[in-house]
Protein backbone atom coordinates (compact mmCIF):
# COMPACT_ATOMS: atom_id res chain seq x y z
CA MET A 1 0.15 0.28 0.14
CA LYS A 2 2.92 2.37 0.49
CA PHE A 3 4.42 1.75 -2.65
CA LEU A 4 0.82 2.38 -3.99
CA MET A 5 0.73 5.76 -2.27
CA LEU A 6 4.16 6.80 -3.00
CA SER A 7 3.42 5.79 -6.99
CA LYS A 8 0.97 7.67 -7.44
CA ILE A 9 2.22 10.90 -5.83
CA ILE A 10 5.40 10.16 -8.31
CA ALA A 11 3.41 9.44 -11.29
CA THR A 12 0.49 12.38 -11.07
CA VAL A 13 3.53 14.96 -10.08
CA PHE A 14 2.19 15.69 -6.96
CA PHE A 15 -1.62 15.04 -8.02
CA ILE A 16 -1.28 17.24 -10.87
CA GLY A 17 -2.72 14.61 -12.98
CA TYR A 18 -5.71 14.30 -11.06
CA CYS A 19 -6.79 17.72 -12.39
CA PRO A 20 -10.02 17.62 -14.76
CA VAL A 21 -8.57 19.86 -17.51
CA ALA A 22 -5.51 19.53 -19.60
CA PRO A 23 -3.44 17.65 -16.76
CA GLY A 24 -0.28 16.62 -19.17
CA THR A 25 0.02 20.08 -20.19
CA LEU A 26 -0.29 21.36 -16.69
CA ALA A 27 2.10 18.97 -15.65
CA SER A 28 4.56 20.49 -18.09
CA ALA A 29 3.90 23.48 -17.33
CA PHE A 30 5.20 22.82 -14.03
CA ALA A 31 8.33 21.48 -15.15
CA MET A 32 8.54 24.62 -17.38
CA ALA A 33 8.15 26.67 -14.36
CA PHE A 34 10.71 25.26 -11.92
CA LEU A 35 13.26 26.22 -14.83
CA TRP A 36 12.15 29.66 -15.25
CA ILE A 37 12.42 29.86 -11.20
CA PHE A 38 14.95 28.15 -10.71
CA ASN A 39 17.38 28.10 -13.44
CA PRO A 40 18.60 24.81 -12.52
CA HIS A 41 22.53 24.05 -13.92
CA ASP A 42 22.47 21.54 -16.08
CA THR A 43 23.57 18.79 -13.77
CA ILE A 44 20.58 19.52 -11.86
CA VAL A 45 18.12 19.30 -14.83
CA LEU A 46 19.95 15.91 -16.23
CA PHE A 47 19.45 14.30 -12.62
CA MET A 48 15.39 15.68 -12.48
CA LEU A 49 15.41 14.15 -15.92
CA LEU A 50 17.28 10.87 -15.30
CA SER A 51 14.94 10.35 -11.91
CA SER A 52 11.81 11.47 -13.14
CA PHE A 53 12.26 8.52 -16.12
CA ILE A 54 13.48 5.98 -13.67
CA LEU A 55 10.76 6.63 -10.98
CA GLY A 56 8.37 7.53 -13.63
CA THR A 57 8.62 3.88 -15.35
CA ILE A 58 8.16 2.15 -12.27
CA SER A 59 5.76 3.99 -10.76
CA SER A 60 3.45 4.23 -14.24
CA GLU A 61 3.79 0.92 -14.35
CA ILE A 62 2.79 0.13 -10.77
CA LEU A 63 -0.35 2.83 -11.13
CA ALA A 64 -1.29 1.71 -14.28
CA LYS A 65 -1.82 -2.03 -12.86
CA HIS A 66 -3.55 -0.83 -10.19
CA LEU A 67 -6.00 1.05 -12.26
CA GLY A 68 -6.48 -1.65 -14.83
CA ILE A 69 -5.92 1.14 -17.45
CA LYS A 70 -2.93 0.90 -20.05
CA ASP A 71 -1.86 5.06 -19.96
CA PRO A 72 -4.20 6.78 -17.52
CA SER A 73 -4.97 9.77 -18.24
CA CYS A 74 -3.87 10.38 -14.57
CA ILE A 75 0.16 9.71 -15.03
CA VAL A 76 1.64 12.72 -16.19
CA ILE A 77 5.21 12.33 -15.08
CA ASP A 78 5.91 11.48 -18.99
CA GLU A 79 5.15 14.97 -19.89
CA PHE A 80 6.96 16.28 -16.78
CA ALA A 81 10.06 14.04 -18.23
CA GLY A 82 8.98 14.69 -21.68
CA TYR A 83 9.80 18.39 -21.12
CA LEU A 84 12.63 18.10 -19.48
CA THR A 85 14.23 16.16 -22.42
CA ALA A 86 12.98 19.15 -25.03
CA VAL A 87 15.20 21.23 -23.21
CA ILE A 88 17.99 20.14 -21.49
CA PHE A 89 21.43 21.42 -22.33
CA LEU A 90 19.77 24.48 -24.06
CA PRO A 91 19.77 27.68 -22.52
CA LEU A 92 16.69 28.31 -19.87
CA ASN A 93 15.94 31.43 -21.24
CA LEU A 94 12.03 32.54 -21.94
CA ASN A 95 12.20 31.92 -25.87
CA VAL A 96 13.54 28.66 -25.23
CA LEU A 97 11.26 27.08 -22.02
CA ILE A 98 8.39 28.60 -24.37
CA THR A 99 9.06 26.94 -27.44
CA GLY A 100 10.35 23.84 -25.90
CA PHE A 101 7.04 23.70 -24.50
CA VAL A 102 4.80 24.91 -28.03
CA LEU A 103 7.02 22.16 -29.22
CA PHE A 104 7.02 19.70 -26.88
CA ARG A 105 3.16 19.57 -26.64
CA PHE A 106 2.48 19.29 -30.55
CA PHE A 107 4.78 16.24 -30.70
CA ASP A 108 3.53 14.64 -28.04
CA ILE A 109 -0.02 15.22 -29.28
CA VAL A 110 0.35 14.76 -33.11
CA LYS A 111 2.51 11.48 -32.42
CA PRO A 112 4.46 11.20 -35.63
CA PRO A 113 6.10 8.48 -36.24
CA PRO A 114 8.36 6.98 -34.59
CA ILE A 115 6.36 8.45 -31.32
CA ARG A 116 3.19 6.71 -32.23
CA GLN A 117 5.37 3.31 -32.83
CA ALA A 118 7.18 4.20 -29.53
CA GLU A 119 3.41 4.62 -27.46
CA ARG A 120 2.45 1.07 -28.38
CA ILE A 121 5.35 -0.67 -26.30
CA GLY A 122 3.09 -0.82 -23.05
CA GLY A 123 4.08 -1.24 -19.43
CA GLY A 124 5.48 2.36 -17.34
CA PHE A 125 8.84 2.02 -20.09
CA GLY A 126 5.83 2.41 -22.89
CA ILE A 127 4.26 5.06 -20.69
CA MET A 128 7.50 7.15 -20.50
CA ILE A 129 9.34 6.54 -23.96
CA ASP A 130 7.04 8.45 -26.19
CA ASP A 131 7.05 11.22 -24.61
CA PHE A 132 10.76 10.69 -23.91
CA LEU A 133 11.08 10.59 -28.41
CA ALA A 134 8.39 14.00 -28.18
CA GLY A 135 11.07 16.38 -26.24
CA VAL A 136 14.12 14.51 -28.35
CA LEU A 137 12.71 15.81 -31.49
CA SER A 138 11.62 18.78 -29.73
CA ASN A 139 15.30 19.23 -29.00
CA LEU A 140 16.94 18.87 -31.79
CA LEU A 141 14.20 21.81 -33.19
CA ILE A 142 15.48 24.33 -31.07
CA ARG A 143 19.06 23.59 -31.69
CA VAL A 144 18.26 24.28 -35.14
CA PHE A 145 16.34 27.05 -34.52
CA LEU A 146 19.03 28.18 -32.48
CA LEU A 147 21.80 28.31 -35.51
CA LEU A 148 19.58 30.07 -37.71
């Protein structure tokens, strides 16, 4: 029972996932606000990303099994980690943070290949990996924009 409650806290990003309107967008916005307010060093962002991906994979697996749903909408740790992926190792100025948010949410919702295929993996890893890939694609596009 302790693991279930801890899994709920992690997988829902402190219960943001239970918001009735756009919980994934709110989790991404929460990550963006955290980065804007605290402007952490790249090492801290990397630690947050790795931690949220690993703990998110485990907690999402536990919560999804408990709820009996493949990818419950209350699980938003994937959006949190995906957004961090979208902006990691980039300058954390407002333009990058907002561009990362818009691109990440776009790719997370539209799910172009191979993101759509990755979503089919299932389990906690499947919940996390499609958002990670959406973040990677967003990060690469931001890098291209910064070169222009």
